[in-house]
PDB file of N, CA and C in Angstrom:
ATOM      1  N   MET A   1     160.611 152.913 -57.479  1.00  0.00           N
ATOM      2  CA  MET A   1     159.973 151.685 -58.247  1.00  0.00           C
ATOM      3  C   MET A   1     161.480 151.276 -59.374  1.00  0.00           C
ATOM      4  N   ILE A   2     162.474 150.250 -58.997  1.00  0.00           N
ATOM      5  CA  ILE A   2     164.013 150.006 -60.532  1.00  0.00           C
ATOM      6  C   ILE A   2     163.678 148.927 -61.079  1.00  0.00           C
ATOM      7  N   GLY A   3     163.780 148.548 -62.638  1.00  0.00           N
ATOM      8  CA  GLY A   3     163.377 147.348 -63.821  1.00  0.00           C
ATOM      9  C   GLY A   3     163.727 147.874 -64.973  1.00  0.00           C
ATOM     10  N   ASN A   4     164.426 146.449 -65.094  1.00  0.00           N
ATOM     11  CA  ASN A   4     164.722 145.960 -65.894  1.00  0.00           C
ATOM     12  C   ASN A   4     164.996 145.240 -66.533  1.00  0.00           C
ATOM     13  N   PHE A   5     165.327 144.267 -68.353  1.00  0.00           N
ATOM     14  CA  PHE A   5     165.255 142.931 -68.394  1.00  0.00           C
ATOM     15  C   PHE A   5     166.941 142.535 -68.286  1.00  0.00           C
ATOM     16  N   GLU A   6     167.078 141.483 -68.078  1.00  0.00           N
ATOM     17  CA  GLU A   6     168.711 142.071 -68.862  1.00  0.00           C
ATOM     18  C   GLU A   6     168.019 139.779 -69.650  1.00  0.00           C
ATOM     19  N   MET A   7     169.514 140.017 -70.488  1.00  0.00           N
ATOM     20  CA  MET A   7     169.429 138.144 -71.096  1.00  0.00           C
ATOM     21  C   MET A   7     170.298 137.634 -70.864  1.00  0.00           C
ATOM     22  N   ASP A   8     170.256 136.081 -70.395  1.00  0.00           N
ATOM     23  CA  ASP A   8     171.865 135.135 -70.464  1.00  0.00           C
ATOM     24  C   ASP A   8     172.370 135.076 -71.419  1.00  0.00           C
ATOM     25  N   PHE A   9     172.432 135.382 -72.267  1.00  0.00           N
ATOM     26  CA  PHE A   9     173.428 135.422 -73.596  1.00  0.00           C
ATOM     27  C   PHE A   9     173.889 133.950 -73.691  1.00  0.00           C
ATOM     28  N   ARG A  10     174.478 132.634 -72.479  1.00  0.00           N
ATOM     29  CA  ARG A  10     174.607 132.003 -72.802  1.00  0.00           C
ATOM     30  C   ARG A  10     173.761 130.960 -73.591  1.00  0.00           C
ATOM     31  N   ASP A  11     172.585 130.753 -72.954  1.00  0.00           N
ATOM     32  CA  ASP A  11     171.053 129.797 -73.166  1.00  0.00           C
ATOM     33  C   ASP A  11     170.194 130.870 -73.349  1.00  0.00           C
ATOM     34  N   GLY A  12     170.244 132.297 -73.854  1.00  0.00           N
ATOM     35  CA  GLY A  12     168.916 133.546 -74.446  1.00  0.00           C
ATOM     36  C   GLY A  12     168.216 132.872 -73.076  1.00  0.00           C
ATOM     37  N   GLU A  13     168.386 133.114 -71.638  1.00  0.00           N
ATOM     38  CA  GLU A  13     167.267 133.578 -71.063  1.00  0.00           C
ATOM     39  C   GLU A  13     167.039 134.997 -71.082  1.00  0.00           C
ATOM     40  N   VAL A  14     165.763 135.447 -70.711  1.00  0.00           N
ATOM     41  CA  VAL A  14     165.352 136.865 -70.864  1.00  0.00           C
ATOM     42  C   VAL A  14     164.131 136.842 -69.708  1.00  0.00           C
ATOM     43  N   ARG A  15     165.433 137.888 -68.482  1.00  0.00           N
ATOM     44  CA  ARG A  15     164.328 137.902 -67.353  1.00  0.00           C
ATOM     45  C   ARG A  15     163.999 139.434 -66.654  1.00  0.00           C
ATOM     46  N   TYR A  16     162.585 140.088 -66.101  1.00  0.00           N
ATOM     47  CA  TYR A  16     163.190 140.580 -66.179  1.00  0.00           C
ATOM     48  C   TYR A  16     162.864 141.431 -64.052  1.00  0.00           C
ATOM     49  N   LYS A  17     163.919 142.320 -63.714  1.00  0.00           N
ATOM     50  CA  LYS A  17     164.100 142.703 -62.701  1.00  0.00           C
ATOM     51  C   LYS A  17     163.472 143.828 -62.157  1.00  0.00           C
ATOM     52  N   THR A  18     162.954 143.163 -60.241  1.00  0.00           N
ATOM     53  CA  THR A  18     162.829 144.963 -60.541  1.00  0.00           C
ATOM     54  C   THR A  18     162.605 144.941 -58.846  1.00  0.00           C
ATOM     55  N   SER A  19     163.186 146.512 -58.558  1.00  0.00           N
ATOM     56  CA  SER A  19     163.917 146.521 -57.441  1.00  0.00           C
ATOM     57  C   SER A  19     162.671 147.720 -56.400  1.00  0.00           C
ATOM     58  N   ILE A  20     163.780 148.122 -55.273  1.00  0.00           N
ATOM     59  CA  ILE A  20     162.893 149.248 -55.038  1.00  0.00           C
ATOM     60  C   ILE A  20     163.834 149.309 -53.212  1.00  0.00           C
ATOM     61  N   ASP A  21     164.017 150.466 -53.243  1.00  0.00           N
ATOM     62  CA  ASP A  21     165.043 151.442 -51.910  1.00  0.00           C
ATOM     63  C   ASP A  21     163.861 151.731 -51.242  1.00  0.00           C
ATOM     64  N   VAL A  22     164.271 150.579 -50.024  1.00  0.00           N
ATOM     65  CA  VAL A  22     163.622 150.598 -48.495  1.00  0.00           C
ATOM     66  C   VAL A  22     164.409 150.994 -47.303  1.00  0.00           C
ATOM     67  N   GLU A  23     164.781 151.827 -48.085  1.00  0.00           N
ATOM     68  CA  GLU A  23     166.472 152.399 -46.819  1.00  0.00           C
ATOM     69  C   GLU A  23     165.164 153.205 -46.116  1.00  0.00           C
ATOM     70  N   GLY A  24     165.286 153.452 -44.853  1.00  0.00           N
ATOM     71  CA  GLY A  24     164.440 154.224 -43.513  1.00  0.00           C
ATOM     72  C   GLY A  24     162.873 153.810 -44.217  1.00  0.00           C
ATOM     73  N   ALA A  25     163.410 153.047 -44.601  1.00  0.00           N
ATOM     74  CA  ALA A  25     161.241 152.407 -43.964  1.00  0.00           C
ATOM     75  C   ALA A  25     161.297 150.719 -44.126  1.00  0.00           C
ATOM     76  N   GLU A  26     159.985 150.558 -43.701  1.00  0.00           N
ATOM     77  CA  GLU A  26     159.370 149.034 -43.379  1.00  0.00           C
ATOM     78  C   GLU A  26     159.409 148.342 -43.980  1.00  0.00           C
ATOM     79  N   ILE A  27     159.256 147.660 -44.294  1.00  0.00           N
ATOM     80  CA  ILE A  27     158.163 146.882 -45.506  1.00  0.00           C
ATOM     81  C   ILE A  27     157.359 146.191 -45.782  1.00  0.00           C
ATOM     82  N   ALA A  28     156.829 147.078 -45.746  1.00  0.00           N
ATOM     83  CA  ALA A  28     154.891 146.519 -45.489  1.00  0.00           C
ATOM     84  C   ALA A  28     154.371 145.624 -46.348  1.00  0.00           C
ATOM     85  N   PRO A  29     153.675 143.890 -47.171  1.00  0.00           N
ATOM     86  CA  PRO A  29     153.542 143.468 -47.181  1.00  0.00           C
ATOM     87  C   PRO A  29     152.469 143.827 -48.313  1.00  0.00           C
ATOM     88  N   ALA A  30     152.256 144.921 -48.781  1.00  0.00           N
ATOM     89  CA  ALA A  30     151.456 146.496 -49.821  1.00  0.00           C
ATOM     90  C   ALA A  30     152.997 146.575 -50.321  1.00  0.00           C
ATOM     91  N   LEU A  31     154.423 146.949 -50.268  1.00  0.00           N
ATOM     92  CA  LEU A  31     154.634 146.740 -50.747  1.00  0.00           C
ATOM     93  C   LEU A  31     155.287 146.183 -51.395  1.00  0.00           C
ATOM     94  N   VAL A  32     155.844 144.748 -50.999  1.00  0.00           N
ATOM     95  CA  VAL A  32     156.259 143.777 -51.449  1.00  0.00           C
ATOM     96  C   VAL A  32     155.379 143.085 -52.923  1.00  0.00           C
ATOM     97  N   ARG A  33     153.977 143.334 -52.142  1.00  0.00           N
ATOM     98  CA  ARG A  33     153.066 143.388 -53.777  1.00  0.00           C
ATOM     99  C   ARG A  33     152.688 143.412 -55.088  1.00  0.00           C
ATOM    100  N   ASN A  34     153.103 145.433 -54.164  1.00  0.00           N
ATOM    101  CA  ASN A  34     152.893 146.358 -55.321  1.00  0.00           C
ATOM    102  C   ASN A  34     154.385 146.358 -56.326  1.00  0.00           C
ATOM    103  N   LEU A  35     155.581 145.707 -56.174  1.00  0.00           N
ATOM    104  CA  LEU A  35     156.738 145.256 -56.538  1.00  0.00           C
ATOM    105  C   LEU A  35     156.831 144.377 -57.277  1.00  0.00           C
ATOM    106  N   VAL A  36     155.403 143.077 -57.006  1.00  0.00           N
ATOM    107  CA  VAL A  36     155.524 142.168 -57.271  1.00  0.00           C
ATOM    108  C   VAL A  36     154.155 143.039 -58.478  1.00  0.00           C
ATOM    109  N   TYR A  37     153.283 143.205 -58.210  1.00  0.00           N
ATOM    110  CA  TYR A  37     152.838 143.614 -59.692  1.00  0.00           C
ATOM    111  C   TYR A  37     153.336 144.784 -61.234  1.00  0.00           C
ATOM    112  N   ALA A  38     154.100 144.651 -60.226  1.00  0.00           N
ATOM    113  CA  ALA A  38     155.297 146.036 -61.422  1.00  0.00           C
ATOM    114  C   ALA A  38     156.111 144.993 -62.096  1.00  0.00           C
ATOM    115  N   ASN A  39     156.456 144.923 -61.765  1.00  0.00           N
ATOM    116  CA  ASN A  39     157.155 142.866 -62.837  1.00  0.00           C
ATOM    117  C   ASN A  39     156.375 142.095 -62.708  1.00  0.00           C
ATOM    118  N   VAL A  40     155.158 141.646 -63.335  1.00  0.00           N
ATOM    119  CA  VAL A  40     154.259 140.579 -63.736  1.00  0.00           C
ATOM    120  C   VAL A  40     153.095 142.060 -65.017  1.00  0.00           C
ATOM    121  N   ILE A  41     153.376 143.223 -65.252  1.00  0.00           N
ATOM    122  CA  ILE A  41     152.629 143.308 -65.543  1.00  0.00           C
ATOM    123  C   ILE A  41     153.367 144.516 -66.719  1.00  0.00           C
ATOM    124  N   THR A  42     154.904 144.289 -66.951  1.00  0.00           N
ATOM    125  CA  THR A  42     156.011 144.548 -66.929  1.00  0.00           C
ATOM    126  C   THR A  42     156.438 143.366 -68.367  1.00  0.00           C
ATOM    127  N   MET A  43     155.550 142.512 -67.323  1.00  0.00           N
ATOM    128  CA  MET A  43     155.756 141.287 -68.028  1.00  0.00           C
ATOM    129  C   MET A  43     155.781 141.258 -69.373  1.00  0.00           C
ATOM    130  N   ASP A  44     153.528 141.605 -69.105  1.00  0.00           N
ATOM    131  CA  ASP A  44     153.010 140.925 -69.977  1.00  0.00           C
ATOM    132  C   ASP A  44     152.803 142.019 -70.881  1.00  0.00           C
ATOM    133  N   ARG A  45     153.504 142.997 -70.624  1.00  0.00           N
ATOM    134  CA  ARG A  45     153.044 144.123 -71.930  1.00  0.00           C
ATOM    135  C   ARG A  45     154.523 143.731 -72.946  1.00  0.00           C
ATOM    136  N   TYR A  46     155.255 143.456 -72.965  1.00  0.00           N
ATOM    137  CA  TYR A  46     156.340 143.867 -73.080  1.00  0.00           C
ATOM    138  C   TYR A  46     156.895 142.016 -73.720  1.00  0.00           C
ATOM    139  N   LEU A  47     156.439 140.949 -73.553  1.00  0.00           N
ATOM    140  CA  LEU A  47     156.364 139.852 -73.561  1.00  0.00           C
ATOM    141  C   LEU A  47     155.542 138.903 -75.729  1.00  0.00           C
ATOM    142  N   PRO A  48     154.593 139.621 -75.692  1.00  0.00           N
ATOM    143  CA  PRO A  48     153.989 139.228 -77.543  1.00  0.00           C
ATOM    144  C   PRO A  48     155.244 139.885 -78.096  1.00  0.00           C
ATOM    145  N   GLY A  49     155.361 141.198 -77.670  1.00  0.00           N
ATOM    146  CA  GLY A  49     156.855 141.721 -78.751  1.00  0.00           C
ATOM    147  C   GLY A  49     158.885 140.762 -78.153  1.00  0.00           C
ATOM    148  N   LEU A  50     158.840 140.140 -77.346  1.00  0.00           N
ATOM    149  CA  LEU A  50     159.863 138.981 -77.436  1.00  0.00           C
ATOM    150  C   LEU A  50     159.332 137.575 -77.437  1.00  0.00           C
ATOM    151  N   LEU A  51     159.047 137.719 -77.971  1.00  0.00           N
ATOM    152  CA  LEU A  51     158.134 136.252 -78.607  1.00  0.00           C
ATOM    153  C   LEU A  51     158.209 136.463 -79.678  1.00  0.00           C
ATOM    154  N   GLY A  52     157.549 137.415 -80.342  1.00  0.00           N
ATOM    155  CA  GLY A  52     157.528 137.467 -81.856  1.00  0.00           C
ATOM    156  C   GLY A  52     159.596 138.327 -82.595  1.00  0.00           C
ATOM    157  N   VAL A  53     159.946 138.406 -81.544  1.00  0.00           N
ATOM    158  CA  VAL A  53     162.105 138.641 -81.875  1.00  0.00           C
ATOM    159  C   VAL A  53     162.339 137.110 -81.453  1.00  0.00           C
ATOM    160  N   ILE A  54     161.900 135.952 -80.624  1.00  0.00           N
ATOM    161  CA  ILE A  54     162.512 134.780 -80.500  1.00  0.00           C
ATOM    162  C   ILE A  54     161.890 133.872 -81.880  1.00  0.00           C
ATOM    163  N   TYR A  55     160.496 133.708 -82.283  1.00  0.00           N
ATOM    164  CA  TYR A  55     160.069 133.486 -83.609  1.00  0.00           C
ATOM    165  C   TYR A  55     160.193 134.140 -84.676  1.00  0.00           C
ATOM    166  N   GLY A  56     161.445 135.016 -85.517  1.00  0.00           N
ATOM    167  CA  GLY A  56     161.367 135.626 -86.535  1.00  0.00           C
ATOM    168  C   GLY A  56     161.057 136.574 -87.000  1.00  0.00           C
ATOM    169  N   ASN A  57     159.506 137.144 -85.934  1.00  0.00           N
ATOM    170  CA  ASN A  57     158.368 137.106 -86.998  1.00  0.00           C
ATOM    171  C   ASN A  57     158.289 138.651 -86.700  1.00  0.00           C
ATOM    172  N   LEU A  58     160.138 139.207 -86.093  1.00  0.00           N
ATOM    173  CA  LEU A  58     159.682 140.604 -85.754  1.00  0.00           C
ATOM    174  C   LEU A  58     161.340 141.673 -85.177  1.00  0.00           C
ATOM    175  N   THR A  59     161.594 142.985 -85.755  1.00  0.00           N
ATOM    176  CA  THR A  59     162.609 142.945 -85.458  1.00  0.00           C
ATOM    177  C   THR A  59     162.999 143.516 -84.155  1.00  0.00           C
ATOM    178  N   PRO A  60     164.367 143.012 -83.512  1.00  0.00           N
ATOM    179  CA  PRO A  60     163.691 144.283 -82.301  1.00  0.00           C
ATOM    180  C   PRO A  60     163.640 145.231 -82.085  1.00  0.00           C
ATOM    181  N   GLU A  61     163.555 146.766 -82.936  1.00  0.00           N
ATOM    182  CA  GLU A  61     163.494 147.835 -83.701  1.00  0.00           C
ATOM    183  C   GLU A  61     161.714 147.653 -83.484  1.00  0.00           C
ATOM    184  N   GLN A  62     160.971 146.309 -84.477  1.00  0.00           N
ATOM    185  CA  GLN A  62     160.010 146.775 -84.498  1.00  0.00           C
ATOM    186  C   GLN A  62     159.502 145.504 -83.218  1.00  0.00           C
ATOM    187  N   ALA A  63     159.613 144.864 -82.023  1.00  0.00           N
ATOM    188  CA  ALA A  63     159.114 144.664 -81.612  1.00  0.00           C
ATOM    189  C   ALA A  63     158.348 145.850 -80.815  1.00  0.00           C
ATOM    190  N   ILE A  64     159.142 146.794 -80.338  1.00  0.00           N
ATOM    191  CA  ILE A  64     159.616 148.076 -79.313  1.00  0.00           C
ATOM    192  C   ILE A  64     158.595 148.570 -80.481  1.00  0.00           C
ATOM    193  N   ALA A  65     158.651 148.603 -81.180  1.00  0.00           N
ATOM    194  CA  ALA A  65     157.432 149.693 -81.864  1.00  0.00           C
ATOM    195  C   ALA A  65     155.666 148.990 -81.735  1.00  0.00           C
ATOM    196  N   GLN A  66     155.897 148.114 -81.946  1.00  0.00           N
ATOM    197  CA  GLN A  66     154.737 146.863 -81.687  1.00  0.00           C
ATOM    198  C   GLN A  66     154.658 147.423 -79.996  1.00  0.00           C
ATOM    199  N   VAL A  67     155.475 147.608 -79.234  1.00  0.00           N
ATOM    200  CA  VAL A  67     154.827 147.354 -77.808  1.00  0.00           C
ATOM    201  C   VAL A  67     154.877 149.252 -77.545  1.00  0.00           C
ATOM    202  N   GLU A  68     155.801 149.817 -77.482  1.00  0.00           N
ATOM    203  CA  GLU A  68     155.772 151.166 -76.964  1.00  0.00           C
ATOM    204  C   GLU A  68     154.938 152.470 -78.116  1.00  0.00           C
ATOM    205  N   GLY A  69     154.464 151.538 -79.115  1.00  0.00           N
ATOM    206  CA  GLY A  69     154.126 152.475 -79.825  1.00  0.00           C
ATOM    207  C   GLY A  69     152.832 152.642 -80.042  1.00  0.00           C
TER     208      GLY A  69
END
C-alpha cells in the first residue's frame, strides 16, 4: 500500500491519497476495504496536527512532532 498527502496551493485543500498495486491479482472487497481503512486511519491520525497548523496553534514541525512523537 502506498499513500501520500497532497495540497492544492490554489485553495489550500489537503487530501490523503492511497493506492495499491493490483497487477496480477483479482480485486476483492476485502482489498478495497483495507485500502479505504488505511486512508481513514491515516487522516484520523494526522488531522489534529493539520488543524493545529491551519488555526495557527502549531508550526508544521510541532504538528509532526505531536502526531509522530
